[in-house]
Amino acid sequence: MLRKYHFSSQGAKEEPTQRLQDSNLVLLSRASQRELEQVCRTFDLDPLTFAYHSSPEEVSRYHKITSQFLPDAHLLVVYDFIEEATKIEEQLTPVIMIFNRDHLIICTNNAGPDQELIGRENNIIEFVAAYVLQCQNKLMATLTSYKPIIDRLDAAAQNSFGNNELRQLTNLTRKLVFFEHTMNDQVETIEAFLNDPQINTSNVGALVSKLAIQQRRLTKVIHIFRDLLNSISGLFTEMMNSRLNNLMKFLDSAGLVIATAALVSGFMGMNVGGLPWKDSHVGFWLILGFSLFLAILISIYLKRKSYR
């Protein structure tokens, strides 16, 4: 959807009938390919500008771009979060912003800036900074929602770890991998954005501080959660190894006990002369009792044996 706005003292007001090139704010929310091409033609943008607008492979960045219609324009790419999506590849969505002093173009697969922000800001630089902060807050809220899951996995790892917990651990690790790589790119982007002279000269001092602090919080939380999951995964691996070792010790012990009885019965079953109890009617029971006696004796020894 393509929506057009005009900035006034009361904020941004939607103007559906206004010409595209006369709009101060152009919002492309889940836009079609035709709408993207129309914006590129109107504002003299590179046709590949929005090529990865819905892909997690898009790279967060901030740099100047060349446009005959938008002098001194900059391109800013940050990430937003779509709560309605199911897969992390779809939830983490890029937000592409192209702006100068008079125009702002926003392309996103999310709904875009909330109405409170649109109705409040009338300065493009302040609008961009406030929208980036809004995206950061969504990412932080999502990361915070993962903490109870990590706590449950940690509690489960102390006792037993079933298939359900293992699947949750795998899914959560996968999400944090996407978050980590995305935020690694975005850290440099936010720094470049905040160090731009036109940002520092604008009346966005408080927002600049909030953006920098929130980005540091995002990075720290991601690293903490990744380390916690690595710790839980390591504990789970050690538990599995311990169970496997105990199982192998039991199987080896059982095999040794059975082999002892089989060895005795094998010797007594030789078809040669001179074997004791060969002609006795109780010979079978004597051999069976001797085999059981050795098996029990070895079982007691193995049970008391320490492998430390």
Protein backbone atom coordinates (compact mmCIF):
# COMPACT_ATOMS: atom_id res chain seq x y z
CA MET A 1 0.00 0.00 0.00
CA LEU A 2 1.26 3.47 -0.93
CA ARG A 3 0.20 6.36 1.31
CA LYS A 4 1.10 10.03 0.95
CA TYR A 5 1.42 12.60 3.74
CA HIS A 6 2.13 16.29 4.03
CA PHE A 7 3.89 17.76 7.07
CA SER A 8 2.32 20.69 8.89
CA SER A 9 2.54 22.23 12.34
CA GLN A 10 0.03 19.59 13.53
CA GLY A 11 2.17 16.71 12.30
CA ALA A 12 1.83 14.61 9.15
CA LYS A 13 -1.56 14.63 7.47
CA GLU A 14 -2.52 12.07 4.87
CA GLU A 15 -3.21 13.55 1.41
CA PRO A 16 -4.39 10.76 -0.92
CA THR A 17 -4.96 13.10 -3.86
CA GLN A 18 -1.63 14.90 -3.60
CA ARG A 19 0.99 14.32 -6.26
CA LEU A 20 3.64 11.82 -5.21
CA GLN A 21 6.54 14.21 -5.76
CA ASP A 22 4.83 16.88 -3.60
CA SER A 23 4.46 14.59 -0.58
CA ASN A 24 6.75 15.07 2.40
CA LEU A 25 6.21 11.51 3.59
CA VAL A 26 5.67 8.52 1.31
CA LEU A 27 4.85 5.32 3.19
CA LEU A 28 5.19 2.02 1.35
CA SER A 29 3.64 -0.59 3.62
CA ARG A 30 3.61 -4.09 2.08
CA ALA A 31 3.83 -2.33 -1.26
CA SER A 32 3.37 -4.01 -4.63
CA GLN A 33 6.13 -4.15 -7.20
CA ARG A 34 4.30 -1.58 -9.32
CA GLU A 35 4.18 0.89 -6.42
CA LEU A 36 7.89 0.40 -5.72
CA GLU A 37 8.76 1.03 -9.35
CA GLN A 38 6.56 4.13 -9.37
CA VAL A 39 8.42 5.60 -6.38
CA CYS A 40 11.80 4.82 -7.93
CA ARG A 41 10.84 6.58 -11.17
CA THR A 42 9.32 9.59 -9.45
CA PHE A 43 12.22 10.26 -7.11
CA ASP A 44 15.03 9.11 -9.43
CA LEU A 45 16.10 6.20 -7.26
CA ASP A 46 18.16 3.17 -8.19
CA PRO A 47 15.76 0.40 -9.31
CA LEU A 48 17.51 -1.98 -6.89
CA THR A 49 16.91 0.25 -3.87
CA PHE A 50 13.97 -1.85 -2.68
CA ALA A 51 15.11 -5.18 -4.14
CA TYR A 52 15.47 -6.77 -0.67
CA HIS A 53 12.77 -4.81 1.15
CA SER A 54 11.10 -8.01 2.42
CA SER A 55 14.15 -10.22 2.83
CA PRO A 56 16.18 -10.97 5.99
CA GLU A 57 19.28 -10.90 3.78
CA GLU A 58 18.99 -7.11 3.51
CA VAL A 59 21.95 -5.36 5.13
CA SER A 60 21.53 -2.59 7.68
CA ARG A 61 23.43 0.51 6.51
CA TYR A 62 23.50 4.29 6.32
CA HIS A 63 25.02 6.28 3.45
CA LYS A 64 24.38 9.03 0.95
CA ILE A 65 22.65 8.29 -2.34
CA THR A 66 22.52 10.11 -5.66
CA SER A 67 19.17 11.41 -6.91
CA GLN A 68 18.32 14.32 -9.18
CA PHE A 69 15.03 14.82 -7.37
CA LEU A 70 16.34 14.38 -3.81
CA PRO A 71 19.47 16.48 -3.28
CA ASP A 72 21.67 15.51 -0.32
CA ALA A 73 19.58 12.39 0.28
CA HIS A 74 20.56 9.55 2.61
CA LEU A 75 19.52 5.92 2.78
CA LEU A 76 18.99 4.30 6.18
CA VAL A 77 18.15 0.63 6.66
CA VAL A 78 17.22 -0.69 10.12
CA TYR A 79 15.13 -3.63 11.28
CA ASP A 80 11.62 -3.85 12.66
CA PHE A 81 9.65 -6.79 14.10
CA ILE A 82 6.37 -8.21 12.80
CA GLU A 83 4.51 -9.93 15.63
CA GLU A 84 1.92 -11.53 13.35
CA ALA A 85 4.50 -13.55 11.37
CA THR A 86 5.40 -17.08 12.45
CA LYS A 87 8.98 -17.58 11.25
CA ILE A 88 11.88 -15.47 12.45
CA GLU A 89 12.89 -14.81 8.82
CA GLU A 90 9.54 -13.11 8.31
CA GLN A 91 9.36 -11.46 11.73
CA LEU A 92 12.64 -9.56 11.33
CA THR A 93 11.86 -7.23 8.49
CA PRO A 94 14.01 -4.40 7.08
CA VAL A 95 12.82 -0.80 7.11
CA ILE A 96 14.27 1.22 4.23
CA MET A 97 14.20 4.99 4.67
CA ILE A 98 15.33 7.54 2.11
CA PHE A 99 15.24 11.15 3.23
CA ASN A 100 16.56 14.65 2.96
CA ARG A 101 15.31 17.88 4.55
CA ASP A 102 12.05 17.92 2.59
CA HIS A 103 11.14 14.34 1.75
CA LEU A 104 10.98 11.01 3.52
CA ILE A 105 10.27 7.65 1.88
CA ILE A 106 9.66 4.63 4.12
CA CYS A 107 9.40 1.08 2.77
CA THR A 108 8.55 -1.76 5.13
CA ASN A 109 6.63 -5.03 5.27
CA ASN A 110 5.24 -3.94 8.64
CA ALA A 111 2.46 -1.43 9.24
CA GLY A 112 4.97 1.43 9.45
CA PRO A 113 5.08 4.25 12.02
CA ASP A 114 2.18 4.31 14.46
CA GLN A 115 -0.44 7.02 14.14
CA GLU A 116 0.69 8.77 17.32
CA LEU A 117 4.14 9.30 15.80
CA ILE A 118 2.71 10.42 12.46
CA GLY A 119 0.43 12.93 14.15
CA ARG A 120 3.13 14.28 16.46
CA GLU A 121 6.28 14.88 14.40
CA ASN A 122 6.55 17.52 11.71
CA ASN A 123 10.32 17.50 11.25
CA ILE A 124 11.73 14.80 8.96
CA ILE A 125 14.98 14.22 10.86
CA GLU A 126 13.13 13.98 14.17
CA PHE A 127 10.57 11.70 12.54
CA VAL A 128 13.29 9.33 11.29
CA ALA A 129 14.99 9.23 14.70
CA ALA A 130 11.68 8.63 16.50
CA TYR A 131 10.74 5.85 14.07
CA VAL A 132 14.10 4.11 14.51
CA LEU A 133 13.57 4.25 18.28
CA GLN A 134 10.10 2.75 17.82
CA CYS A 135 11.63 -0.16 15.89
CA GLN A 136 14.27 -0.65 18.57
CA ASN A 137 11.61 -0.76 21.28
CA LYS A 138 9.75 -3.50 19.40
CA LEU A 139 12.91 -5.56 19.09
CA MET A 140 13.64 -5.11 22.80
CA ALA A 141 10.10 -6.12 23.78
CA THR A 142 10.43 -9.26 21.67
CA LEU A 143 13.78 -10.19 23.19
CA THR A 144 12.40 -9.62 26.69
CA SER A 145 9.56 -12.04 25.94
CA TYR A 146 12.15 -14.79 25.37
CA LYS A 147 13.43 -14.59 28.95
CA PRO A 148 10.65 -16.71 30.56
CA ILE A 149 11.30 -19.43 27.96
CA ILE A 150 15.01 -19.43 28.82
CA ASP A 151 14.16 -19.66 32.54
CA ARG A 152 11.88 -22.66 31.91
CA LEU A 153 14.56 -24.39 29.85
CA ASP A 154 17.13 -23.73 32.56
CA ALA A 155 14.84 -25.20 35.23
CA ALA A 156 14.11 -28.24 33.06
CA ALA A 157 17.81 -28.80 32.41
CA GLN A 158 18.41 -29.15 36.17
CA ASN A 159 16.14 -32.20 36.34
CA SER A 160 15.31 -33.84 33.03
CA PHE A 161 15.36 -32.71 29.43
CA GLY A 162 12.73 -34.07 27.06
CA ASN A 163 12.19 -33.76 23.34
CA ASN A 164 9.85 -30.80 23.81
CA GLU A 165 12.51 -28.81 25.69
CA LEU A 166 15.11 -29.74 23.09
CA ARG A 167 12.89 -28.43 20.30
CA GLN A 168 12.30 -25.19 22.22
CA LEU A 169 16.03 -24.79 22.78
CA THR A 170 16.73 -25.29 19.07
CA ASN A 171 14.03 -22.86 17.96
CA LEU A 172 15.07 -20.17 20.43
CA THR A 173 18.73 -20.52 19.50
CA ARG A 174 17.79 -20.10 15.86
CA LYS A 175 15.88 -16.91 16.61
CA LEU A 176 18.75 -15.44 18.58
CA VAL A 177 21.18 -16.27 15.78
CA PHE A 178 19.09 -14.13 13.42
CA PHE A 179 18.84 -11.39 16.04
CA GLU A 180 22.57 -11.40 16.71
CA HIS A 181 23.65 -11.12 13.09
CA THR A 182 21.01 -8.48 12.39
CA MET A 183 22.01 -6.35 15.36
CA ASN A 184 25.72 -6.70 14.56
CA ASP A 185 25.04 -4.86 11.31
CA GLN A 186 22.69 -2.37 12.91
CA VAL A 187 25.20 -1.26 15.58
CA GLU A 188 27.47 0.26 12.93
CA THR A 189 24.46 1.73 11.13
CA ILE A 190 23.16 3.53 14.21
CA GLU A 191 26.63 4.87 14.97
CA ALA A 192 27.00 6.22 11.42
CA PHE A 193 23.50 7.74 11.59
CA LEU A 194 24.11 9.46 14.92
CA ASN A 195 27.50 10.79 13.81
CA ASP A 196 26.06 12.46 10.71
CA PRO A 197 26.41 16.27 11.03
CA GLN A 198 22.84 16.90 9.87
CA ILE A 199 21.58 14.67 12.69
CA ASN A 200 23.73 16.38 15.30
CA THR A 201 22.61 19.83 14.18
CA SER A 202 18.94 18.92 14.43
CA ASN A 203 16.85 19.24 17.53
CA VAL A 204 17.06 15.55 18.33
CA GLY A 205 19.55 15.53 21.20
CA ALA A 206 17.37 13.48 23.56
CA LEU A 207 16.45 11.03 20.82
CA VAL A 208 20.09 10.58 19.83
CA SER A 209 20.95 9.55 23.37
CA LYS A 210 18.00 7.15 23.55
CA LEU A 211 18.90 5.55 20.21
CA ALA A 212 22.50 4.92 21.25
CA ILE A 213 21.54 3.51 24.66
CA GLN A 214 18.76 1.31 23.31
CA GLN A 215 21.04 -0.15 20.65
CA ARG A 216 23.60 -1.01 23.33
CA ARG A 217 20.84 -2.65 25.38
CA LEU A 218 19.78 -4.75 22.39
CA THR A 219 23.32 -5.95 21.80
CA LYS A 220 23.88 -6.77 25.47
CA VAL A 221 20.60 -8.67 25.87
CA ILE A 222 21.28 -10.75 22.76
CA HIS A 223 24.75 -11.71 23.96
CA ILE A 224 23.47 -12.56 27.45
CA PHE A 225 20.66 -14.74 26.07
CA ARG A 226 23.03 -16.51 23.64
CA ASP A 227 25.42 -17.29 26.51
CA LEU A 228 22.56 -18.57 28.66
CA LEU A 229 21.36 -20.85 25.87
CA ASN A 230 24.91 -22.09 25.28
CA SER A 231 25.15 -22.89 29.00
CA ILE A 232 21.84 -24.79 28.93
CA SER A 233 22.87 -26.61 25.78
CA GLY A 234 26.19 -27.57 27.38
CA LEU A 235 24.41 -28.87 30.48
CA PHE A 236 22.05 -30.90 28.31
CA THR A 237 24.99 -32.38 26.40
CA GLU A 238 26.76 -33.34 29.62
CA MET A 239 23.56 -34.96 30.94
CA MET A 240 23.21 -36.99 27.76
CA ASN A 241 26.86 -38.05 27.95
CA SER A 242 26.43 -39.09 31.59
CA ARG A 243 23.34 -41.16 30.75
CA LEU A 244 25.14 -42.79 27.84
CA ASN A 245 28.14 -43.60 30.02
CA ASN A 246 25.91 -45.18 32.67
CA LEU A 247 24.12 -47.21 30.01
CA MET A 248 27.39 -48.45 28.51
CA LYS A 249 28.70 -49.33 32.00
CA PHE A 250 25.56 -51.37 32.68
CA LEU A 251 25.75 -53.15 29.32
CA ASP A 252 29.44 -53.96 29.75
CA SER A 253 28.84 -55.25 33.29
CA ALA A 254 25.92 -57.39 32.16
CA GLY A 255 27.99 -58.75 29.30
CA LEU A 256 30.83 -59.68 31.68
CA VAL A 257 28.44 -61.49 34.06
CA ILE A 258 26.84 -63.45 31.23
CA ALA A 259 30.22 -64.23 29.68
CA THR A 260 31.47 -65.77 32.98
CA ALA A 261 28.54 -68.15 33.17
CA ALA A 262 28.91 -68.98 29.49
CA LEU A 263 32.63 -69.69 29.97
CA VAL A 264 31.98 -72.21 32.74
CA SER A 265 29.19 -73.94 30.85
CA GLY A 266 31.34 -73.98 27.75
CA PHE A 267 34.21 -75.77 29.49
CA MET A 268 31.87 -78.31 31.06
CA GLY A 269 30.22 -78.95 27.73
CA MET A 270 33.40 -80.20 26.03
CA ASN A 271 33.11 -83.68 24.53
CA VAL A 272 36.28 -85.03 26.18
CA GLY A 273 36.93 -87.42 29.02
CA GLY A 274 37.92 -86.56 32.55
CA LEU A 275 35.26 -83.92 33.15
CA PRO A 276 33.93 -83.87 36.74
CA TRP A 277 30.34 -84.95 37.39
CA LYS A 278 30.15 -86.45 33.91
CA ASP A 279 28.19 -89.47 35.07
CA SER A 280 26.46 -87.82 38.04
CA HIS A 281 22.71 -87.27 37.92
CA VAL A 282 23.23 -83.94 39.77
CA GLY A 283 26.08 -82.74 37.51
CA PHE A 284 23.87 -80.29 35.59
CA TRP A 285 22.63 -78.67 38.77
CA LEU A 286 26.13 -78.45 40.22
CA ILE A 287 27.45 -76.70 37.09
CA LEU A 288 24.42 -74.41 36.99
CA GLY A 289 24.87 -73.53 40.65
CA PHE A 290 28.60 -72.89 40.20
CA SER A 291 27.90 -70.63 37.20
CA LEU A 292 25.27 -68.68 39.13
CA PHE A 293 27.65 -68.39 42.09
CA LEU A 294 30.39 -66.89 39.89
CA ALA A 295 27.90 -64.58 38.17
CA ILE A 296 26.58 -63.31 41.52
CA LEU A 297 30.10 -62.89 42.86
CA ILE A 298 31.21 -60.84 39.85
CA SER A 299 27.97 -58.79 39.99
CA ILE A 300 28.68 -57.84 43.62
CA TYR A 301 32.26 -56.94 42.74
CA LEU A 302 31.19 -54.75 39.80
CA LYS A 303 28.53 -53.02 41.89
CA ARG A 304 31.07 -52.08 44.55
CA LYS A 305 33.75 -51.17 42.02
CA SER A 306 34.48 -47.44 41.78
CA TYR A 307 35.39 -46.06 38.33
CA ARG A 308 36.49 -42.63 39.55
